[in-house]
Each structure stands twice: as structure tokens, then as C-alpha cells.
Amino acid sequence: MTIKDVLADKLGFGAAPLGNMFRDIPEDEALATVEAAWEDGIRY
């Protein structure tokens, strides 16, 4: 394990809206959003 393995990326994914913070988000849309972020390299 290196220091890069434990440091957060410069870009983070704020997921509060996916928890229906501002409006109801369908579960399939929330999952697709998280999957797309993961595929694009977002890890924080």
C-alpha cells in the first residue's frame, strides 16, 4: 500500500441529493449515477 492508496482524490462525489435531500430520486437513477461516477474514476 502506498500513500496514494489512502489519500482522497481532488474531485469528490457529493451524494446527498441521491438520498432525496432536495427531491425524490428513483433508486435506479441513483444507482446509475453512482455507477457512472465509479466508471469515470471518482472514488471519493
Protein backbone atom coordinates (compact mmCIF):
# COMPACT_ATOMS: atom_id res chain seq x y z
CA MET A 1 0.00 0.00 0.00
CA THR A 2 1.27 3.46 -0.87
CA ILE A 3 0.27 6.92 0.32
CA LYS A 4 -1.72 7.35 -2.92
CA ASP A 5 -3.90 4.42 -1.87
CA VAL A 6 -5.14 6.27 1.22
CA LEU A 7 -5.35 9.88 0.03
CA ALA A 8 -8.61 11.27 -1.31
CA ASP A 9 -8.84 12.42 -4.90
CA LYS A 10 -9.10 16.12 -5.69
CA LEU A 11 -12.60 15.56 -7.03
CA GLY A 12 -15.28 14.16 -4.76
CA PHE A 13 -18.79 12.94 -5.40
CA GLY A 14 -21.43 14.59 -3.23
CA ALA A 15 -24.20 12.03 -2.88
CA ALA A 16 -26.60 13.85 -0.52
CA PRO A 17 -29.05 14.60 -3.35
CA LEU A 18 -29.24 10.87 -4.10
CA GLY A 19 -30.65 10.42 -0.59
CA ASN A 20 -33.66 12.56 -1.55
CA MET A 21 -32.24 15.72 0.05
CA PHE A 22 -33.87 18.08 -2.46
CA ARG A 23 -36.39 15.85 -4.26
CA ASP A 24 -37.22 12.18 -4.64
CA ILE A 25 -34.68 10.38 -6.82
CA PRO A 26 -35.72 6.98 -8.19
CA GLU A 27 -33.43 4.20 -6.96
CA ASP A 28 -32.49 3.08 -10.48
CA GLU A 29 -31.44 6.65 -11.36
CA ALA A 30 -29.38 6.95 -8.17
CA LEU A 31 -27.63 3.63 -8.82
CA ALA A 32 -26.90 4.59 -12.43
CA THR A 33 -25.41 7.89 -11.24
CA VAL A 34 -23.10 6.17 -8.74
CA GLU A 35 -22.07 3.54 -11.29
CA ALA A 36 -21.24 6.23 -13.88
CA ALA A 37 -19.15 8.16 -11.35
CA TRP A 38 -17.29 4.97 -10.36
CA GLU A 39 -16.61 4.07 -14.00
CA ASP A 40 -15.18 7.56 -14.54
CA GLY A 41 -12.73 7.12 -11.66
CA ILE A 42 -14.49 9.01 -8.87
CA ARG A 43 -13.55 7.28 -5.62
CA TYR A 44 -14.24 9.95 -3.01
